[in-house]
Amino acid sequence: MANTTEYPASVLFIPPIEPDGLLRDPPTEWKDEIFQGTRVKEDGHILVWLDEVEYPSIPSFVEHLRSCGTKITVPKGKNKGTVHFLHSMAIPDFAYALWGEENQELTVPIGIKKPCSHLKTRNKGDESCVYALWDLSCLIDSKYLKARPTGDKTVCITTRNVVYNVMKPVNVIHPLHYKPGIFMTIDFKLEG
């Protein structure tokens, strides 16, 4: 169980940003209790567990952050610190193959510059890749995420907040099971 405390909150606005250098690749598995909302650990780090209704996938949050920014609650009086973003579907615990040659490196989503050295194929138990979550998001079974084929290999993803395009995975070994994890970390400093 994570050591967390309750606190009076204020709002921190994170303007639209590119996630380069903020995404954790691979995501860090979360083995403590699952919670909702925002918590503050005893070490002062802020944990934000994303709501799956608002953000049914990690890419839906990142794409929204890129275009609109987001608001999070932070403890009143906390002028600087680190925010860790968590999601219940951060780490695919299944094998998959994405479009491309078997030993080809994964291409990162459009507009994200950070290189990725993970391969397009993954066996169950292999290290996870945060960038693969874009293409894998078209497999999510949620009433809050709609995947519409736009071609033989492409899919348009629509959520309450964003629309983005992905490549449909070539092969996936079922069942689709994910582990929760930390997928993004942002340091902040409030002015004034």
N, C-alpha and C. Protein backbone atom coordinates (compact mmCIF):
# COMPACT_ATOMS: atom_id res chain seq x y z
N MET A 1 0.84 -1.18 0.00
CA MET A 1 0.00 0.00 0.00
C MET A 1 0.89 1.24 0.00
N ALA A 2 0.57 2.20 -0.88
CA ALA A 2 1.36 3.43 -0.97
C ALA A 2 1.06 4.31 0.24
N ASN A 3 2.10 4.95 0.77
CA ASN A 3 1.91 5.90 1.86
C ASN A 3 1.47 7.23 1.27
N THR A 4 0.19 7.58 1.49
CA THR A 4 -0.34 8.81 0.94
C THR A 4 -1.07 9.57 2.02
N THR A 5 -1.28 10.85 1.79
CA THR A 5 -2.01 11.68 2.74
C THR A 5 -3.08 12.47 2.03
N GLU A 6 -4.16 12.83 2.76
CA GLU A 6 -5.19 13.71 2.24
C GLU A 6 -4.70 15.14 2.41
N TYR A 7 -5.19 16.09 1.60
CA TYR A 7 -4.69 17.44 1.66
C TYR A 7 -5.72 18.40 1.07
N PRO A 8 -5.70 19.68 1.49
CA PRO A 8 -6.50 20.69 0.80
C PRO A 8 -5.86 20.94 -0.56
N ALA A 9 -6.69 21.10 -1.59
CA ALA A 9 -6.15 21.14 -2.94
C ALA A 9 -6.28 22.48 -3.62
N SER A 10 -5.37 22.74 -4.55
CA SER A 10 -5.48 23.84 -5.49
C SER A 10 -5.28 23.24 -6.88
N VAL A 11 -5.49 24.03 -7.91
CA VAL A 11 -5.45 23.51 -9.28
C VAL A 11 -4.17 23.96 -9.97
N LEU A 12 -3.52 23.02 -10.65
CA LEU A 12 -2.34 23.30 -11.47
C LEU A 12 -2.76 23.09 -12.92
N PHE A 13 -2.60 24.10 -13.75
CA PHE A 13 -2.90 23.96 -15.18
C PHE A 13 -1.61 23.64 -15.91
N ILE A 14 -1.62 22.56 -16.67
CA ILE A 14 -0.49 22.19 -17.51
C ILE A 14 -0.90 22.56 -18.93
N PRO A 15 -0.22 23.54 -19.55
CA PRO A 15 -0.61 23.97 -20.89
C PRO A 15 -0.30 22.88 -21.91
N PRO A 16 -0.83 23.03 -23.14
CA PRO A 16 -0.51 22.03 -24.17
C PRO A 16 1.01 21.88 -24.30
N ILE A 17 1.46 20.64 -24.25
CA ILE A 17 2.90 20.37 -24.35
C ILE A 17 3.13 19.12 -25.19
N GLU A 18 4.32 19.01 -25.73
CA GLU A 18 4.74 17.78 -26.39
C GLU A 18 5.30 16.85 -25.31
N PRO A 19 4.97 15.58 -25.37
CA PRO A 19 5.39 14.66 -24.30
C PRO A 19 6.82 14.15 -24.40
N ASP A 20 7.59 14.68 -25.35
CA ASP A 20 8.98 14.24 -25.51
C ASP A 20 9.72 14.33 -24.18
N GLY A 21 10.32 13.26 -23.76
CA GLY A 21 11.09 13.23 -22.52
C GLY A 21 10.25 13.08 -21.27
N LEU A 22 8.93 13.11 -21.39
CA LEU A 22 8.05 12.97 -20.23
C LEU A 22 7.48 11.57 -20.12
N LEU A 23 7.30 10.90 -21.26
CA LEU A 23 6.77 9.54 -21.25
C LEU A 23 7.80 8.57 -20.71
N ARG A 24 7.37 7.63 -19.90
CA ARG A 24 8.27 6.59 -19.39
C ARG A 24 8.24 5.42 -20.36
N ASP A 25 9.37 5.10 -20.89
CA ASP A 25 9.47 3.98 -21.82
C ASP A 25 10.60 3.07 -21.37
N PRO A 26 10.26 1.95 -20.76
CA PRO A 26 8.92 1.38 -20.58
C PRO A 26 8.21 2.00 -19.37
N PRO A 27 6.86 1.88 -19.34
CA PRO A 27 6.13 2.30 -18.14
C PRO A 27 6.59 1.50 -16.92
N THR A 28 6.44 2.08 -15.74
CA THR A 28 6.81 1.41 -14.49
C THR A 28 5.57 0.76 -13.89
N GLU A 29 5.65 -0.54 -13.67
CA GLU A 29 4.49 -1.25 -13.13
C GLU A 29 4.12 -0.72 -11.75
N TRP A 30 2.82 -0.55 -11.50
CA TRP A 30 2.29 -0.09 -10.22
C TRP A 30 1.80 -1.31 -9.47
N LYS A 31 2.42 -1.61 -8.33
CA LYS A 31 2.08 -2.82 -7.58
C LYS A 31 1.33 -2.51 -6.28
N ASP A 32 1.15 -1.23 -5.97
CA ASP A 32 0.41 -0.84 -4.77
C ASP A 32 -1.08 -0.81 -5.08
N GLU A 33 -1.86 -0.33 -4.13
CA GLU A 33 -3.31 -0.30 -4.30
C GLU A 33 -3.72 0.61 -5.46
N ILE A 34 -4.82 0.24 -6.08
CA ILE A 34 -5.40 1.07 -7.12
C ILE A 34 -6.31 2.08 -6.43
N PHE A 35 -6.26 3.33 -6.88
CA PHE A 35 -7.06 4.38 -6.27
C PHE A 35 -7.66 5.24 -7.38
N GLN A 36 -8.47 6.20 -7.01
CA GLN A 36 -9.04 7.14 -7.97
C GLN A 36 -8.56 8.53 -7.63
N GLY A 37 -8.36 9.36 -8.66
CA GLY A 37 -8.02 10.76 -8.44
C GLY A 37 -6.56 10.99 -8.15
N THR A 38 -6.31 11.92 -7.22
CA THR A 38 -4.96 12.37 -6.92
C THR A 38 -4.58 12.03 -5.50
N ARG A 39 -3.37 11.58 -5.31
CA ARG A 39 -2.81 11.28 -3.98
C ARG A 39 -1.43 11.90 -3.88
N VAL A 40 -1.02 12.17 -2.65
CA VAL A 40 0.33 12.67 -2.41
C VAL A 40 1.04 11.66 -1.53
N LYS A 41 2.19 11.20 -2.02
CA LYS A 41 2.99 10.27 -1.24
C LYS A 41 3.71 11.02 -0.13
N GLU A 42 4.18 10.28 0.88
CA GLU A 42 4.90 10.90 1.99
C GLU A 42 6.15 11.64 1.53
N ASP A 43 6.74 11.20 0.40
CA ASP A 43 7.93 11.88 -0.12
C ASP A 43 7.57 13.14 -0.90
N GLY A 44 6.26 13.46 -1.00
CA GLY A 44 5.82 14.67 -1.66
C GLY A 44 5.47 14.51 -3.13
N HIS A 45 5.77 13.36 -3.71
CA HIS A 45 5.42 13.14 -5.11
C HIS A 45 3.91 13.01 -5.25
N ILE A 46 3.37 13.58 -6.31
CA ILE A 46 1.94 13.57 -6.56
C ILE A 46 1.63 12.45 -7.56
N LEU A 47 0.63 11.65 -7.23
CA LEU A 47 0.20 10.56 -8.09
C LEU A 47 -1.18 10.90 -8.63
N VAL A 48 -1.35 10.85 -9.95
CA VAL A 48 -2.63 11.12 -10.58
C VAL A 48 -3.05 9.87 -11.34
N TRP A 49 -4.13 9.22 -10.86
CA TRP A 49 -4.67 8.04 -11.54
C TRP A 49 -5.73 8.51 -12.51
N LEU A 50 -5.54 8.26 -13.79
CA LEU A 50 -6.46 8.75 -14.81
C LEU A 50 -7.76 7.95 -14.82
N ASP A 51 -8.85 8.66 -14.93
CA ASP A 51 -10.18 8.09 -15.01
C ASP A 51 -10.37 7.46 -16.40
N GLU A 52 -10.77 6.19 -16.44
CA GLU A 52 -10.90 5.50 -17.72
C GLU A 52 -12.12 5.93 -18.52
N VAL A 53 -13.05 6.64 -17.89
CA VAL A 53 -14.17 7.20 -18.66
C VAL A 53 -13.66 8.40 -19.45
N GLU A 54 -12.93 9.26 -18.78
CA GLU A 54 -12.38 10.45 -19.43
C GLU A 54 -11.23 10.07 -20.39
N TYR A 55 -10.39 9.14 -19.96
CA TYR A 55 -9.23 8.72 -20.75
C TYR A 55 -9.18 7.19 -20.78
N PRO A 56 -9.88 6.56 -21.75
CA PRO A 56 -9.91 5.10 -21.80
C PRO A 56 -8.57 4.46 -22.18
N SER A 57 -7.64 5.27 -22.67
CA SER A 57 -6.31 4.76 -23.02
C SER A 57 -5.28 5.84 -22.69
N ILE A 58 -4.05 5.42 -22.56
CA ILE A 58 -2.97 6.39 -22.34
C ILE A 58 -2.84 7.34 -23.53
N PRO A 59 -2.89 6.84 -24.78
CA PRO A 59 -2.82 7.78 -25.90
C PRO A 59 -3.93 8.84 -25.89
N SER A 60 -5.12 8.48 -25.41
CA SER A 60 -6.19 9.49 -25.38
C SER A 60 -5.82 10.63 -24.44
N PHE A 61 -5.15 10.34 -23.32
CA PHE A 61 -4.69 11.39 -22.42
C PHE A 61 -3.55 12.19 -23.04
N VAL A 62 -2.57 11.51 -23.60
CA VAL A 62 -1.40 12.20 -24.15
C VAL A 62 -1.81 13.09 -25.32
N GLU A 63 -2.68 12.60 -26.19
CA GLU A 63 -3.14 13.41 -27.32
C GLU A 63 -3.93 14.62 -26.83
N HIS A 64 -4.73 14.46 -25.78
CA HIS A 64 -5.46 15.58 -25.20
C HIS A 64 -4.47 16.58 -24.57
N LEU A 65 -3.47 16.09 -23.88
CA LEU A 65 -2.45 16.95 -23.28
C LEU A 65 -1.71 17.74 -24.35
N ARG A 66 -1.41 17.09 -25.47
CA ARG A 66 -0.71 17.76 -26.56
C ARG A 66 -1.53 18.89 -27.16
N SER A 67 -2.83 18.71 -27.25
CA SER A 67 -3.65 19.70 -27.93
C SER A 67 -4.30 20.72 -26.99
N CYS A 68 -4.65 20.32 -25.78
CA CYS A 68 -5.43 21.20 -24.90
C CYS A 68 -4.79 21.47 -23.54
N GLY A 69 -3.83 20.67 -23.14
CA GLY A 69 -3.32 20.76 -21.78
C GLY A 69 -4.27 20.05 -20.83
N THR A 70 -4.04 20.19 -19.54
CA THR A 70 -4.91 19.55 -18.56
C THR A 70 -4.80 20.28 -17.23
N LYS A 71 -5.72 20.00 -16.34
CA LYS A 71 -5.70 20.54 -14.98
C LYS A 71 -5.59 19.38 -14.01
N ILE A 72 -4.78 19.55 -12.99
CA ILE A 72 -4.69 18.55 -11.94
C ILE A 72 -4.72 19.26 -10.59
N THR A 73 -5.08 18.54 -9.57
CA THR A 73 -5.07 19.11 -8.23
C THR A 73 -3.73 18.85 -7.57
N VAL A 74 -3.24 19.83 -6.86
CA VAL A 74 -1.99 19.70 -6.10
C VAL A 74 -2.25 20.25 -4.71
N PRO A 75 -1.47 19.85 -3.73
CA PRO A 75 -1.66 20.38 -2.38
C PRO A 75 -1.47 21.88 -2.34
N LYS A 76 -2.32 22.58 -1.60
CA LYS A 76 -2.14 24.02 -1.43
C LYS A 76 -0.78 24.26 -0.79
N GLY A 77 -0.09 25.27 -1.28
CA GLY A 77 1.22 25.60 -0.75
C GLY A 77 2.35 24.83 -1.39
N LYS A 78 2.04 23.83 -2.23
CA LYS A 78 3.10 23.07 -2.90
C LYS A 78 3.48 23.84 -4.17
N ASN A 79 4.65 24.45 -4.17
CA ASN A 79 5.06 25.31 -5.28
C ASN A 79 5.89 24.59 -6.34
N LYS A 80 6.43 23.43 -5.99
CA LYS A 80 7.18 22.66 -6.98
C LYS A 80 7.12 21.19 -6.58
N GLY A 81 7.35 20.35 -7.56
CA GLY A 81 7.31 18.93 -7.27
C GLY A 81 7.25 18.10 -8.54
N THR A 82 6.89 16.85 -8.37
CA THR A 82 6.81 15.90 -9.47
C THR A 82 5.45 15.25 -9.47
N VAL A 83 4.84 15.20 -10.65
CA VAL A 83 3.55 14.54 -10.83
C VAL A 83 3.79 13.28 -11.66
N HIS A 84 3.30 12.14 -11.15
CA HIS A 84 3.38 10.86 -11.85
C HIS A 84 1.97 10.50 -12.30
N PHE A 85 1.80 10.22 -13.59
CA PHE A 85 0.50 9.84 -14.13
C PHE A 85 0.42 8.32 -14.24
N LEU A 86 -0.70 7.76 -13.74
CA LEU A 86 -0.92 6.31 -13.74
C LEU A 86 -2.17 5.97 -14.53
N HIS A 87 -2.19 4.76 -15.07
CA HIS A 87 -3.36 4.26 -15.79
C HIS A 87 -3.40 2.75 -15.59
N SER A 88 -4.61 2.21 -15.55
CA SER A 88 -4.75 0.77 -15.34
C SER A 88 -4.32 -0.05 -16.55
N MET A 89 -4.18 0.61 -17.72
CA MET A 89 -3.79 -0.11 -18.94
C MET A 89 -2.45 0.38 -19.46
N ALA A 90 -1.46 0.48 -18.58
CA ALA A 90 -0.15 1.01 -18.95
C ALA A 90 0.77 -0.04 -19.56
N ILE A 91 0.61 -1.29 -19.16
CA ILE A 91 1.55 -2.32 -19.59
C ILE A 91 0.79 -3.51 -20.19
N PRO A 92 0.90 -3.70 -21.50
CA PRO A 92 0.25 -4.86 -22.11
C PRO A 92 0.91 -6.14 -21.61
N ASP A 93 0.09 -7.06 -21.15
CA ASP A 93 0.60 -8.34 -20.66
C ASP A 93 0.19 -9.44 -21.64
N PHE A 94 0.49 -9.20 -22.93
CA PHE A 94 0.17 -10.14 -24.00
C PHE A 94 1.14 -9.91 -25.14
N ALA A 95 1.21 -10.89 -26.02
CA ALA A 95 2.11 -10.79 -27.18
C ALA A 95 1.39 -10.06 -28.32
N TYR A 96 2.15 -9.31 -29.10
CA TYR A 96 1.57 -8.62 -30.25
C TYR A 96 2.61 -8.42 -31.33
N ALA A 97 2.13 -8.13 -32.54
CA ALA A 97 2.98 -7.73 -33.65
C ALA A 97 2.32 -6.54 -34.32
N LEU A 98 3.08 -5.47 -34.51
CA LEU A 98 2.60 -4.28 -35.17
C LEU A 98 3.09 -4.28 -36.61
N TRP A 99 2.59 -3.39 -37.45
CA TRP A 99 2.99 -3.34 -38.85
C TRP A 99 4.47 -3.06 -39.00
N GLY A 100 5.11 -3.77 -39.93
CA GLY A 100 6.53 -3.61 -40.20
C GLY A 100 7.22 -4.96 -40.11
N GLU A 101 8.50 -4.95 -40.36
CA GLU A 101 9.29 -6.18 -40.29
C GLU A 101 9.43 -6.61 -38.84
N GLU A 102 9.56 -7.91 -38.63
CA GLU A 102 9.60 -8.46 -37.27
C GLU A 102 10.67 -7.82 -36.40
N ASN A 103 11.86 -7.62 -36.93
CA ASN A 103 12.95 -7.06 -36.13
C ASN A 103 13.13 -5.55 -36.35
N GLN A 104 12.13 -4.92 -36.94
CA GLN A 104 12.19 -3.48 -37.17
C GLN A 104 11.82 -2.74 -35.89
N GLU A 105 12.46 -1.59 -35.68
CA GLU A 105 12.13 -0.79 -34.50
C GLU A 105 10.75 -0.18 -34.66
N LEU A 106 10.09 0.02 -33.55
CA LEU A 106 8.76 0.62 -33.53
C LEU A 106 8.86 2.08 -33.92
N THR A 107 7.92 2.55 -34.74
CA THR A 107 7.88 3.96 -35.07
C THR A 107 7.01 4.65 -34.03
N VAL A 108 7.43 5.81 -33.59
CA VAL A 108 6.69 6.53 -32.56
C VAL A 108 5.51 7.25 -33.19
N PRO A 109 4.48 7.58 -32.39
CA PRO A 109 3.31 8.28 -32.94
C PRO A 109 3.69 9.61 -33.58
N ILE A 110 2.89 10.04 -34.53
CA ILE A 110 3.13 11.27 -35.28
C ILE A 110 3.26 12.45 -34.31
N GLY A 111 4.31 13.23 -34.50
CA GLY A 111 4.51 14.43 -33.70
C GLY A 111 5.35 14.21 -32.45
N ILE A 112 5.59 12.97 -32.08
CA ILE A 112 6.42 12.69 -30.92
C ILE A 112 7.82 12.38 -31.42
N LYS A 113 8.80 13.08 -30.91
CA LYS A 113 10.15 13.01 -31.46
C LYS A 113 11.07 12.01 -30.78
N LYS A 114 10.77 11.63 -29.54
CA LYS A 114 11.69 10.76 -28.80
C LYS A 114 11.83 9.42 -29.51
N PRO A 115 13.05 9.01 -29.81
CA PRO A 115 13.24 7.72 -30.47
C PRO A 115 12.90 6.56 -29.55
N CYS A 116 12.49 5.50 -30.15
CA CYS A 116 12.17 4.29 -29.40
C CYS A 116 12.97 3.15 -30.00
N SER A 117 13.59 2.34 -29.17
CA SER A 117 14.40 1.23 -29.68
C SER A 117 13.69 -0.11 -29.55
N HIS A 118 12.42 -0.10 -29.11
CA HIS A 118 11.68 -1.35 -29.00
C HIS A 118 11.31 -1.87 -30.38
N LEU A 119 11.15 -3.18 -30.46
CA LEU A 119 10.79 -3.81 -31.73
C LEU A 119 9.28 -3.82 -31.92
N LYS A 120 8.85 -4.05 -33.15
CA LYS A 120 7.42 -4.09 -33.48
C LYS A 120 6.74 -5.36 -32.98
N THR A 121 7.52 -6.34 -32.55
CA THR A 121 6.94 -7.56 -32.00
C THR A 121 7.30 -7.67 -30.52
N ARG A 122 6.39 -8.24 -29.76
CA ARG A 122 6.62 -8.38 -28.33
C ARG A 122 6.02 -9.69 -27.88
N ASN A 123 6.80 -10.47 -27.16
CA ASN A 123 6.30 -11.69 -26.54
C ASN A 123 5.81 -11.36 -25.14
N LYS A 124 4.86 -12.13 -24.65
CA LYS A 124 4.38 -11.92 -23.29
C LYS A 124 5.58 -12.01 -22.35
N GLY A 125 5.70 -11.05 -21.45
CA GLY A 125 6.81 -11.03 -20.51
C GLY A 125 7.97 -10.15 -20.95
N ASP A 126 8.02 -9.80 -22.26
CA ASP A 126 9.07 -8.88 -22.72
C ASP A 126 8.83 -7.49 -22.15
N GLU A 127 9.88 -6.68 -22.15
CA GLU A 127 9.74 -5.30 -21.69
C GLU A 127 8.67 -4.60 -22.53
N SER A 128 7.86 -3.81 -21.86
CA SER A 128 6.76 -3.11 -22.52
C SER A 128 7.26 -1.84 -23.20
N CYS A 129 6.47 -1.33 -24.15
CA CYS A 129 6.80 -0.09 -24.86
C CYS A 129 5.62 0.86 -24.79
N VAL A 130 5.83 2.05 -24.25
CA VAL A 130 4.74 3.02 -24.12
C VAL A 130 4.21 3.45 -25.49
N TYR A 131 5.07 3.50 -26.51
CA TYR A 131 4.64 3.97 -27.83
C TYR A 131 3.75 2.95 -28.55
N ALA A 132 3.89 1.68 -28.23
CA ALA A 132 3.02 0.65 -28.83
C ALA A 132 1.57 0.84 -28.40
N LEU A 133 1.35 1.53 -27.28
CA LEU A 133 -0.01 1.72 -26.77
C LEU A 133 -0.88 2.50 -27.75
N TRP A 134 -0.29 3.31 -28.64
CA TRP A 134 -1.09 4.02 -29.63
C TRP A 134 -1.79 3.01 -30.54
N ASP A 135 -1.01 2.15 -31.19
CA ASP A 135 -1.62 1.17 -32.10
C ASP A 135 -2.51 0.19 -31.34
N LEU A 136 -2.09 -0.21 -30.15
CA LEU A 136 -2.88 -1.17 -29.38
C LEU A 136 -4.20 -0.57 -28.88
N SER A 137 -4.30 0.76 -28.84
CA SER A 137 -5.53 1.38 -28.33
C SER A 137 -6.74 1.05 -29.19
N CYS A 138 -6.54 0.64 -30.44
CA CYS A 138 -7.69 0.30 -31.29
C CYS A 138 -8.32 -1.03 -30.87
N LEU A 139 -7.69 -1.75 -29.96
CA LEU A 139 -8.23 -3.03 -29.48
C LEU A 139 -9.02 -2.90 -28.18
N ILE A 140 -9.01 -1.73 -27.58
CA ILE A 140 -9.67 -1.53 -26.29
C ILE A 140 -11.17 -1.62 -26.44
N ASP A 141 -11.77 -2.43 -25.59
CA ASP A 141 -13.22 -2.61 -25.59
C ASP A 141 -13.82 -1.68 -24.53
N SER A 142 -14.27 -0.51 -24.97
CA SER A 142 -14.80 0.49 -24.04
C SER A 142 -15.88 1.29 -24.75
N LYS A 143 -16.94 1.60 -24.03
CA LYS A 143 -17.97 2.44 -24.63
C LYS A 143 -17.49 3.88 -24.74
N TYR A 144 -16.34 4.19 -24.16
CA TYR A 144 -15.79 5.55 -24.20
C TYR A 144 -14.71 5.71 -25.26
N LEU A 145 -14.44 4.66 -26.01
CA LEU A 145 -13.45 4.72 -27.09
C LEU A 145 -14.03 3.98 -28.28
N LYS A 146 -14.08 4.65 -29.41
CA LYS A 146 -14.58 4.04 -30.64
C LYS A 146 -13.43 3.93 -31.63
N ALA A 147 -13.28 2.73 -32.21
CA ALA A 147 -12.26 2.48 -33.22
C ALA A 147 -12.96 2.22 -34.55
N ARG A 148 -12.69 3.08 -35.54
CA ARG A 148 -13.34 2.97 -36.84
C ARG A 148 -12.26 2.74 -37.91
N PRO A 149 -12.33 1.59 -38.63
CA PRO A 149 -11.35 1.36 -39.69
C PRO A 149 -11.44 2.45 -40.76
N THR A 150 -10.28 2.93 -41.20
CA THR A 150 -10.22 3.93 -42.26
C THR A 150 -9.47 3.41 -43.47
N GLY A 151 -9.03 2.18 -43.41
CA GLY A 151 -8.31 1.52 -44.49
C GLY A 151 -7.97 0.11 -44.05
N ASP A 152 -7.23 -0.62 -44.87
CA ASP A 152 -6.85 -1.99 -44.53
C ASP A 152 -5.99 -2.05 -43.28
N LYS A 153 -5.14 -1.04 -43.09
CA LYS A 153 -4.19 -1.06 -41.98
C LYS A 153 -4.42 0.05 -40.96
N THR A 154 -5.30 0.98 -41.24
CA THR A 154 -5.44 2.15 -40.38
C THR A 154 -6.79 2.19 -39.67
N VAL A 155 -6.76 2.83 -38.49
CA VAL A 155 -7.95 2.94 -37.65
C VAL A 155 -7.99 4.35 -37.08
N CYS A 156 -9.19 4.93 -37.05
CA CYS A 156 -9.38 6.23 -36.42
C CYS A 156 -9.96 6.00 -35.03
N ILE A 157 -9.31 6.54 -34.01
CA ILE A 157 -9.75 6.40 -32.63
C ILE A 157 -10.47 7.69 -32.22
N THR A 158 -11.65 7.55 -31.64
CA THR A 158 -12.41 8.70 -31.15
C THR A 158 -12.77 8.47 -29.70
N THR A 159 -12.44 9.44 -28.84
CA THR A 159 -12.83 9.41 -27.44
C THR A 159 -13.60 10.70 -27.15
N ARG A 160 -13.98 10.90 -25.91
CA ARG A 160 -14.69 12.13 -25.54
C ARG A 160 -13.86 13.37 -25.78
N ASN A 161 -12.54 13.23 -25.75
CA ASN A 161 -11.65 14.40 -25.81
C ASN A 161 -10.86 14.55 -27.09
N VAL A 162 -10.58 13.46 -27.79
CA VAL A 162 -9.65 13.55 -28.92
C VAL A 162 -10.01 12.57 -30.03
N VAL A 163 -9.40 12.83 -31.18
CA VAL A 163 -9.46 11.92 -32.32
C VAL A 163 -8.02 11.76 -32.80
N TYR A 164 -7.58 10.51 -33.02
CA TYR A 164 -6.24 10.27 -33.54
C TYR A 164 -6.25 9.00 -34.37
N ASN A 165 -5.26 8.85 -35.24
CA ASN A 165 -5.18 7.71 -36.14
C ASN A 165 -4.04 6.80 -35.75
N VAL A 166 -4.24 5.49 -35.94
CA VAL A 166 -3.23 4.49 -35.61
C VAL A 166 -3.20 3.42 -36.69
N MET A 167 -2.19 2.57 -36.60
CA MET A 167 -2.11 1.39 -37.44
C MET A 167 -2.71 0.21 -36.67
N LYS A 168 -3.50 -0.59 -37.34
CA LYS A 168 -4.10 -1.76 -36.71
C LYS A 168 -3.01 -2.82 -36.49
N PRO A 169 -2.91 -3.41 -35.28
CA PRO A 169 -1.90 -4.45 -35.06
C PRO A 169 -2.09 -5.62 -36.03
N VAL A 170 -0.98 -6.23 -36.42
CA VAL A 170 -1.02 -7.36 -37.35
C VAL A 170 -1.51 -8.61 -36.63
N ASN A 171 -1.02 -8.82 -35.41
CA ASN A 171 -1.35 -10.03 -34.68
C ASN A 171 -1.33 -9.73 -33.19
N VAL A 172 -2.29 -10.30 -32.48
CA VAL A 172 -2.38 -10.13 -31.04
C VAL A 172 -2.75 -11.48 -30.44
N ILE A 173 -2.05 -11.86 -29.38
CA ILE A 173 -2.36 -13.11 -28.68
C ILE A 173 -3.31 -12.79 -27.53
N HIS A 174 -4.50 -13.33 -27.58
CA HIS A 174 -5.52 -13.09 -26.54
C HIS A 174 -5.30 -14.01 -25.36
N PRO A 175 -5.76 -13.69 -24.18
CA PRO A 175 -6.62 -12.55 -23.85
C PRO A 175 -5.79 -11.28 -23.70
N LEU A 176 -6.47 -10.14 -23.90
CA LEU A 176 -5.83 -8.85 -23.75
C LEU A 176 -5.89 -8.46 -22.28
N HIS A 177 -4.76 -8.51 -21.62
CA HIS A 177 -4.69 -8.17 -20.20
C HIS A 177 -3.61 -7.11 -20.04
N TYR A 178 -3.93 -6.08 -19.25
CA TYR A 178 -2.98 -5.00 -19.00
C TYR A 178 -2.67 -4.93 -17.51
N LYS A 179 -1.49 -4.40 -17.20
CA LYS A 179 -1.10 -4.13 -15.82
C LYS A 179 -1.10 -2.61 -15.63
N PRO A 180 -1.43 -2.15 -14.42
CA PRO A 180 -1.37 -0.71 -14.16
C PRO A 180 0.07 -0.23 -14.05
N GLY A 181 0.27 1.05 -14.34
CA GLY A 181 1.63 1.56 -14.23
C GLY A 181 1.70 3.07 -14.37
N ILE A 182 2.89 3.57 -14.06
CA ILE A 182 3.21 4.99 -14.25
C ILE A 182 3.77 5.12 -15.66
N PHE A 183 3.15 6.01 -16.46
CA PHE A 183 3.57 6.14 -17.85
C PHE A 183 4.14 7.52 -18.19
N MET A 184 3.96 8.49 -17.29
CA MET A 184 4.45 9.84 -17.57
C MET A 184 4.79 10.54 -16.26
N THR A 185 5.85 11.33 -16.30
CA THR A 185 6.27 12.11 -15.13
C THR A 185 6.53 13.54 -15.58
N ILE A 186 5.95 14.49 -14.84
CA ILE A 186 6.14 15.91 -15.14
C ILE A 186 6.60 16.62 -13.87
N ASP A 187 7.71 17.34 -13.97
CA ASP A 187 8.16 18.20 -12.88
C ASP A 187 7.49 19.56 -13.07
N PHE A 188 7.07 20.19 -11.96
CA PHE A 188 6.45 21.49 -12.07
C PHE A 188 7.02 22.45 -11.05
N LYS A 189 6.93 23.74 -11.38
CA LYS A 189 7.31 24.81 -10.46
C LYS A 189 6.34 25.95 -10.71
N LEU A 190 5.61 26.33 -9.66
CA LEU A 190 4.65 27.42 -9.74
C LEU A 190 5.36 28.75 -9.51
N GLU A 191 5.03 29.72 -10.34
CA GLU A 191 5.61 31.05 -10.21
C GLU A 191 4.84 31.83 -9.16
N GLY A 192 5.53 32.73 -8.47
CA GLY A 192 4.85 33.62 -7.52
C GLY A 192 4.91 33.15 -6.18
